[in-house]
PDB file of N, CA and C in Angstrom:
ATOM      1  N   MET A   1     113.510  91.704  95.792  1.00  0.00           N
ATOM      2  CA  MET A   1     112.612  92.677  96.365  1.00  0.00           C
ATOM      3  C   MET A   1     111.274  92.612  95.642  1.00  0.00           C
ATOM      4  N   ALA A   2     110.213  92.773  96.385  1.00  0.00           N
ATOM      5  CA  ALA A   2     108.869  92.746  95.821  1.00  0.00           C
ATOM      6  C   ALA A   2     108.611  93.998  94.992  1.00  0.00           C
ATOM      7  N   ASP A   3     107.735  93.857  94.019  1.00  0.00           N
ATOM      8  CA  ASP A   3     107.311  95.008  93.219  1.00  0.00           C
ATOM      9  C   ASP A   3     106.379  95.847  94.083  1.00  0.00           C
ATOM     10  N   LEU A   4     106.714  97.090  94.300  1.00  0.00           N
ATOM     11  CA  LEU A   4     105.928  97.971  95.160  1.00  0.00           C
ATOM     12  C   LEU A   4     104.992  98.880  94.381  1.00  0.00           C
ATOM     13  N   THR A   5     104.858  98.658  93.086  1.00  0.00           N
ATOM     14  CA  THR A   5     103.988  99.486  92.259  1.00  0.00           C
ATOM     15  C   THR A   5     102.533  99.276  92.661  1.00  0.00           C
ATOM     16  N   PRO A   6     101.802 100.344  92.978  1.00  0.00           N
ATOM     17  CA  PRO A   6     100.404 100.192  93.363  1.00  0.00           C
ATOM     18  C   PRO A   6      99.550  99.676  92.201  1.00  0.00           C
ATOM     19  N   THR A   7      98.519  98.930  92.529  1.00  0.00           N
ATOM     20  CA  THR A   7      97.576  98.401  91.547  1.00  0.00           C
ATOM     21  C   THR A   7      96.161  98.621  92.069  1.00  0.00           C
ATOM     22  N   ALA A   8      95.170  98.327  91.254  1.00  0.00           N
ATOM     23  CA  ALA A   8      93.782  98.447  91.694  1.00  0.00           C
ATOM     24  C   ALA A   8      93.515  97.534  92.890  1.00  0.00           C
ATOM     25  N   GLY A   9      94.148  96.363  92.902  1.00  0.00           N
ATOM     26  CA  GLY A   9      93.982  95.433  94.011  1.00  0.00           C
ATOM     27  C   GLY A   9      94.747  95.825  95.262  1.00  0.00           C
ATOM     28  N   LEU A  10      95.823  96.566  95.092  1.00  0.00           N
ATOM     29  CA  LEU A  10      96.646  97.050  96.203  1.00  0.00           C
ATOM     30  C   LEU A  10      96.946  98.525  95.979  1.00  0.00           C
ATOM     31  N   PRO A  11      95.955  99.396  96.213  1.00  0.00           N
ATOM     32  CA  PRO A  11      96.155 100.818  95.958  1.00  0.00           C
ATOM     33  C   PRO A  11      97.173 101.423  96.910  1.00  0.00           C
ATOM     34  N   GLY A  12      97.742 102.523  96.485  1.00  0.00           N
ATOM     35  CA  GLY A  12      98.712 103.218  97.325  1.00  0.00           C
ATOM     36  C   GLY A  12      99.552 104.179  96.512  1.00  0.00           C
ATOM     37  N   LEU A  13     100.612 104.651  97.130  1.00  0.00           N
ATOM     38  CA  LEU A  13     101.527 105.617  96.531  1.00  0.00           C
ATOM     39  C   LEU A  13     102.928 105.050  96.651  1.00  0.00           C
ATOM     40  N   HIS A  14     103.675 105.064  95.549  1.00  0.00           N
ATOM     41  CA  HIS A  14     105.058 104.596  95.568  1.00  0.00           C
ATOM     42  C   HIS A  14     105.944 105.671  94.967  1.00  0.00           C
ATOM     43  N   VAL A  15     106.974 106.068  95.708  1.00  0.00           N
ATOM     44  CA  VAL A  15     107.939 107.079  95.265  1.00  0.00           C
ATOM     45  C   VAL A  15     109.325 106.453  95.300  1.00  0.00           C
ATOM     46  N   SER A  16     110.116 106.725  94.261  1.00  0.00           N
ATOM     47  CA  SER A  16     111.472 106.194  94.187  1.00  0.00           C
ATOM     48  C   SER A  16     112.437 107.277  93.722  1.00  0.00           C
ATOM     49  N   LYS A  17     113.606 107.297  94.334  1.00  0.00           N
ATOM     50  CA  LYS A  17     114.695 108.186  93.907  1.00  0.00           C
ATOM     51  C   LYS A  17     115.980 107.398  94.150  1.00  0.00           C
ATOM     52  N   PRO A  18     116.396 106.611  93.147  1.00  0.00           N
ATOM     53  CA  PRO A  18     117.522 105.698  93.328  1.00  0.00           C
ATOM     54  C   PRO A  18     118.837 106.364  93.741  1.00  0.00           C
ATOM     55  N   SER A  19     119.070 107.586  93.300  1.00  0.00           N
ATOM     56  CA  SER A  19     120.283 108.294  93.685  1.00  0.00           C
ATOM     57  C   SER A  19     120.041 109.794  93.571  1.00  0.00           C
ATOM     58  N   PRO A  20     120.850 110.605  94.230  1.00  0.00           N
ATOM     59  CA  PRO A  20     120.667 112.048  94.170  1.00  0.00           C
ATOM     60  C   PRO A  20     120.756 112.635  92.760  1.00  0.00           C
ATOM     61  N   SER A  21     121.461 111.953  91.867  1.00  0.00           N
ATOM     62  CA  SER A  21     121.625 112.485  90.516  1.00  0.00           C
ATOM     63  C   SER A  21     120.535 112.030  89.552  1.00  0.00           C
ATOM     64  N   GLU A  22     119.636 111.165  89.987  1.00  0.00           N
ATOM     65  CA  GLU A  22     118.548 110.693  89.131  1.00  0.00           C
ATOM     66  C   GLU A  22     117.247 111.353  89.550  1.00  0.00           C
ATOM     67  N   PRO A  23     116.328 111.540  88.595  1.00  0.00           N
ATOM     68  CA  PRO A  23     115.044 112.139  88.952  1.00  0.00           C
ATOM     69  C   PRO A  23     114.178 111.165  89.743  1.00  0.00           C
ATOM     70  N   ALA A  24     113.372 111.707  90.612  1.00  0.00           N
ATOM     71  CA  ALA A  24     112.405 110.899  91.351  1.00  0.00           C
ATOM     72  C   ALA A  24     111.321 110.429  90.389  1.00  0.00           C
ATOM     73  N   THR A  25     110.699 109.296  90.709  1.00  0.00           N
ATOM     74  CA  THR A  25     109.541 108.802  89.974  1.00  0.00           C
ATOM     75  C   THR A  25     108.488 108.401  90.996  1.00  0.00           C
ATOM     76  N   ALA A  26     107.236 108.435  90.585  1.00  0.00           N
ATOM     77  CA  ALA A  26     106.157 108.047  91.488  1.00  0.00           C
ATOM     78  C   ALA A  26     105.000 107.477  90.695  1.00  0.00           C
ATOM     79  N   SER A  27     104.257 106.609  91.359  1.00  0.00           N
ATOM     80  CA  SER A  27     103.004 106.098  90.795  1.00  0.00           C
ATOM     81  C   SER A  27     102.006 105.988  91.939  1.00  0.00           C
ATOM     82  N   ALA A  28     100.755 106.223  91.610  1.00  0.00           N
ATOM     83  CA  ALA A  28      99.705 106.174  92.620  1.00  0.00           C
ATOM     84  C   ALA A  28      98.455 105.574  92.014  1.00  0.00           C
ATOM     85  N   VAL A  29      97.769 104.758  92.797  1.00  0.00           N
ATOM     86  CA  VAL A  29      96.463 104.213  92.431  1.00  0.00           C
ATOM     87  C   VAL A  29      95.609 104.309  93.684  1.00  0.00           C
ATOM     88  N   CYS A  30      94.440 104.918  93.560  1.00  0.00           N
ATOM     89  CA  CYS A  30      93.537 105.097  94.694  1.00  0.00           C
ATOM     90  C   CYS A  30      92.407 104.071  94.623  1.00  0.00           C
ATOM     91  N   HIS A  31      91.845 103.752  95.767  1.00  0.00           N
ATOM     92  CA  HIS A  31      90.714 102.823  95.784  1.00  0.00           C
ATOM     93  C   HIS A  31      89.487 103.398  95.082  1.00  0.00           C
ATOM     94  N   CYS A  32      89.477 104.722  94.796  1.00  0.00           N
ATOM     95  CA  CYS A  32      88.366 105.326  94.058  1.00  0.00           C
ATOM     96  C   CYS A  32      88.515 105.133  92.546  1.00  0.00           C
ATOM     97  N   GLY A  33      89.672 104.603  92.120  1.00  0.00           N
ATOM     98  CA  GLY A  33      89.909 104.365  90.699  1.00  0.00           C
ATOM     99  C   GLY A  33      90.862 105.348  90.040  1.00  0.00           C
ATOM    100  N   ALA A  34      91.185 106.437  90.712  1.00  0.00           N
ATOM    101  CA  ALA A  34      92.124 107.415  90.151  1.00  0.00           C
ATOM    102  C   ALA A  34      93.534 106.843  90.143  1.00  0.00           C
ATOM    103  N   SER A  35      94.315 107.211  89.114  1.00  0.00           N
ATOM    104  CA  SER A  35      95.709 106.785  89.057  1.00  0.00           C
ATOM    105  C   SER A  35      96.540 107.878  88.412  1.00  0.00           C
ATOM    106  N   ALA A  36      97.842 107.883  88.725  1.00  0.00           N
ATOM    107  CA  ALA A  36      98.739 108.893  88.176  1.00  0.00           C
ATOM    108  C   ALA A  36     100.170 108.406  88.265  1.00  0.00           C
ATOM    109  N   THR A  37     101.008 108.958  87.388  1.00  0.00           N
ATOM    110  CA  THR A  37     102.442 108.724  87.454  1.00  0.00           C
ATOM    111  C   THR A  37     103.137 110.071  87.293  1.00  0.00           C
ATOM    112  N   ALA A  38     104.375 110.154  87.765  1.00  0.00           N
ATOM    113  CA  ALA A  38     105.139 111.393  87.646  1.00  0.00           C
ATOM    114  C   ALA A  38     106.616 111.058  87.563  1.00  0.00           C
ATOM    115  N   LYS A  39     107.369 111.929  86.879  1.00  0.00           N
ATOM    116  CA  LYS A  39     108.816 111.790  86.799  1.00  0.00           C
ATOM    117  C   LYS A  39     109.426 113.172  86.964  1.00  0.00           C
ATOM    118  N   GLY A  40     110.423 113.251  87.806  1.00  0.00           N
ATOM    119  CA  GLY A  40     111.071 114.532  88.109  1.00  0.00           C
ATOM    120  C   GLY A  40     110.668 114.980  89.502  1.00  0.00           C
ATOM    121  N   ASP A  41     111.599 115.577  90.204  1.00  0.00           N
ATOM    122  CA  ASP A  41     111.372 115.924  91.599  1.00  0.00           C
ATOM    123  C   ASP A  41     110.152 116.830  91.802  1.00  0.00           C
ATOM    124  N   ALA A  42     110.001 117.854  90.995  1.00  0.00           N
ATOM    125  CA  ALA A  42     108.878 118.789  91.156  1.00  0.00           C
ATOM    126  C   ALA A  42     107.548 118.107  90.866  1.00  0.00           C
ATOM    127  N   GLN A  43     107.484 117.305  89.801  1.00  0.00           N
ATOM    128  CA  GLN A  43     106.253 116.623  89.445  1.00  0.00           C
ATOM    129  C   GLN A  43     105.879 115.580  90.496  1.00  0.00           C
ATOM    130  N   VAL A  44     106.880 114.887  91.024  1.00  0.00           N
ATOM    131  CA  VAL A  44     106.613 113.902  92.080  1.00  0.00           C
ATOM    132  C   VAL A  44     106.100 114.610  93.331  1.00  0.00           C
ATOM    133  N   GLY A  45     106.693 115.745  93.655  1.00  0.00           N
ATOM    134  CA  GLY A  45     106.208 116.520  94.801  1.00  0.00           C
ATOM    135  C   GLY A  45     104.752 116.924  94.640  1.00  0.00           C
ATOM    136  N   ALA A  46     104.384 117.334  93.434  1.00  0.00           N
ATOM    137  CA  ALA A  46     102.997 117.716  93.162  1.00  0.00           C
ATOM    138  C   ALA A  46     102.066 116.514  93.249  1.00  0.00           C
ATOM    139  N   LEU A  47     102.509 115.357  92.751  1.00  0.00           N
ATOM    140  CA  LEU A  47     101.680 114.152  92.826  1.00  0.00           C
ATOM    141  C   LEU A  47     101.452 113.760  94.289  1.00  0.00           C
ATOM    142  N   VAL A  48     102.498 113.809  95.101  1.00  0.00           N
ATOM    143  CA  VAL A  48     102.367 113.462  96.519  1.00  0.00           C
ATOM    144  C   VAL A  48     101.422 114.437  97.219  1.00  0.00           C
ATOM    145  N   ALA A  49     101.551 115.727  96.947  1.00  0.00           N
ATOM    146  CA  ALA A  49     100.669 116.718  97.563  1.00  0.00           C
ATOM    147  C   ALA A  49      99.218 116.481  97.159  1.00  0.00           C
ATOM    148  N   GLY A  50      98.989 116.189  95.884  1.00  0.00           N
ATOM    149  CA  GLY A  50      97.634 115.899  95.416  1.00  0.00           C
ATOM    150  C   GLY A  50      97.073 114.639  96.035  1.00  0.00           C
ATOM    151  N   TRP A  51      97.918 113.627  96.180  1.00  0.00           N
ATOM    152  CA  TRP A  51      97.494 112.359  96.800  1.00  0.00           C
ATOM    153  C   TRP A  51      97.061 112.616  98.250  1.00  0.00           C
ATOM    154  N   LYS A  52      97.894 113.347  98.980  1.00  0.00           N
ATOM    155  CA  LYS A  52      97.593 113.603 100.385  1.00  0.00           C
ATOM    156  C   LYS A  52      96.315 114.420 100.539  1.00  0.00           C
ATOM    157  N   ALA A  53      96.057 115.344  99.619  1.00  0.00           N
ATOM    158  CA  ALA A  53      94.896 116.218  99.722  1.00  0.00           C
ATOM    159  C   ALA A  53      93.605 115.566  99.231  1.00  0.00           C
ATOM    160  N   ASN A  54      93.713 114.645  98.245  1.00  0.00           N
ATOM    161  CA  ASN A  54      92.507 114.175  97.567  1.00  0.00           C
ATOM    162  C   ASN A  54      92.288 112.674  97.523  1.00  0.00           C
ATOM    163  N   HIS A  55      93.271 111.882  97.898  1.00  0.00           N
ATOM    164  CA  HIS A  55      93.164 110.435  97.744  1.00  0.00           C
ATOM    165  C   HIS A  55      93.676 109.703  98.982  1.00  0.00           C
ATOM    166  N   GLY A  56      93.764 108.403  98.899  1.00  0.00           N
ATOM    167  CA  GLY A  56      94.241 107.626 100.032  1.00  0.00           C
ATOM    168  C   GLY A  56      93.388 107.875 101.249  1.00  0.00           C
ATOM    169  N   SER A  57      94.010 108.214 102.352  1.00  0.00           N
ATOM    170  CA  SER A  57      93.266 108.432 103.607  1.00  0.00           C
ATOM    171  C   SER A  57      92.388 109.679 103.572  1.00  0.00           C
ATOM    172  N   ALA A  58      92.601 110.570 102.590  1.00  0.00           N
ATOM    173  CA  ALA A  58      91.762 111.775 102.483  1.00  0.00           C
ATOM    174  C   ALA A  58      90.306 111.425 102.185  1.00  0.00           C
ATOM    175  N   HIS A  59      90.058 110.239 101.619  1.00  0.00           N
ATOM    176  CA  HIS A  59      88.685 109.805 101.335  1.00  0.00           C
ATOM    177  C   HIS A  59      87.937 109.436 102.606  1.00  0.00           C
ATOM    178  N   GLY A  60      88.652 109.091 103.645  1.00  0.00           N
ATOM    179  CA  GLY A  60      88.018 108.714 104.894  1.00  0.00           C
ATOM    180  C   GLY A  60      87.249 107.412 104.835  1.00  0.00           C
ATOM    181  N   LYS A  61      87.512 106.619 103.794  1.00  0.00           N
ATOM    182  CA  LYS A  61      86.848 105.321 103.594  1.00  0.00           C
ATOM    183  C   LYS A  61      85.568 105.288 104.375  1.00  0.00           C
TER     184      LYS A  61
END
């Protein structure tokens, strides 16, 4: 499987939750240069909400 971790060259949001008993993890890199990581379901939820509100397609390129 390919590495889906976002980079400056391939910005985006990646969320993983391998099993129900493990915490979710996420990483994000925006084309504006912002980046973030999170671990734990609540923190990942907050990162996704922030990404949707402030980064990615929210910039309107």
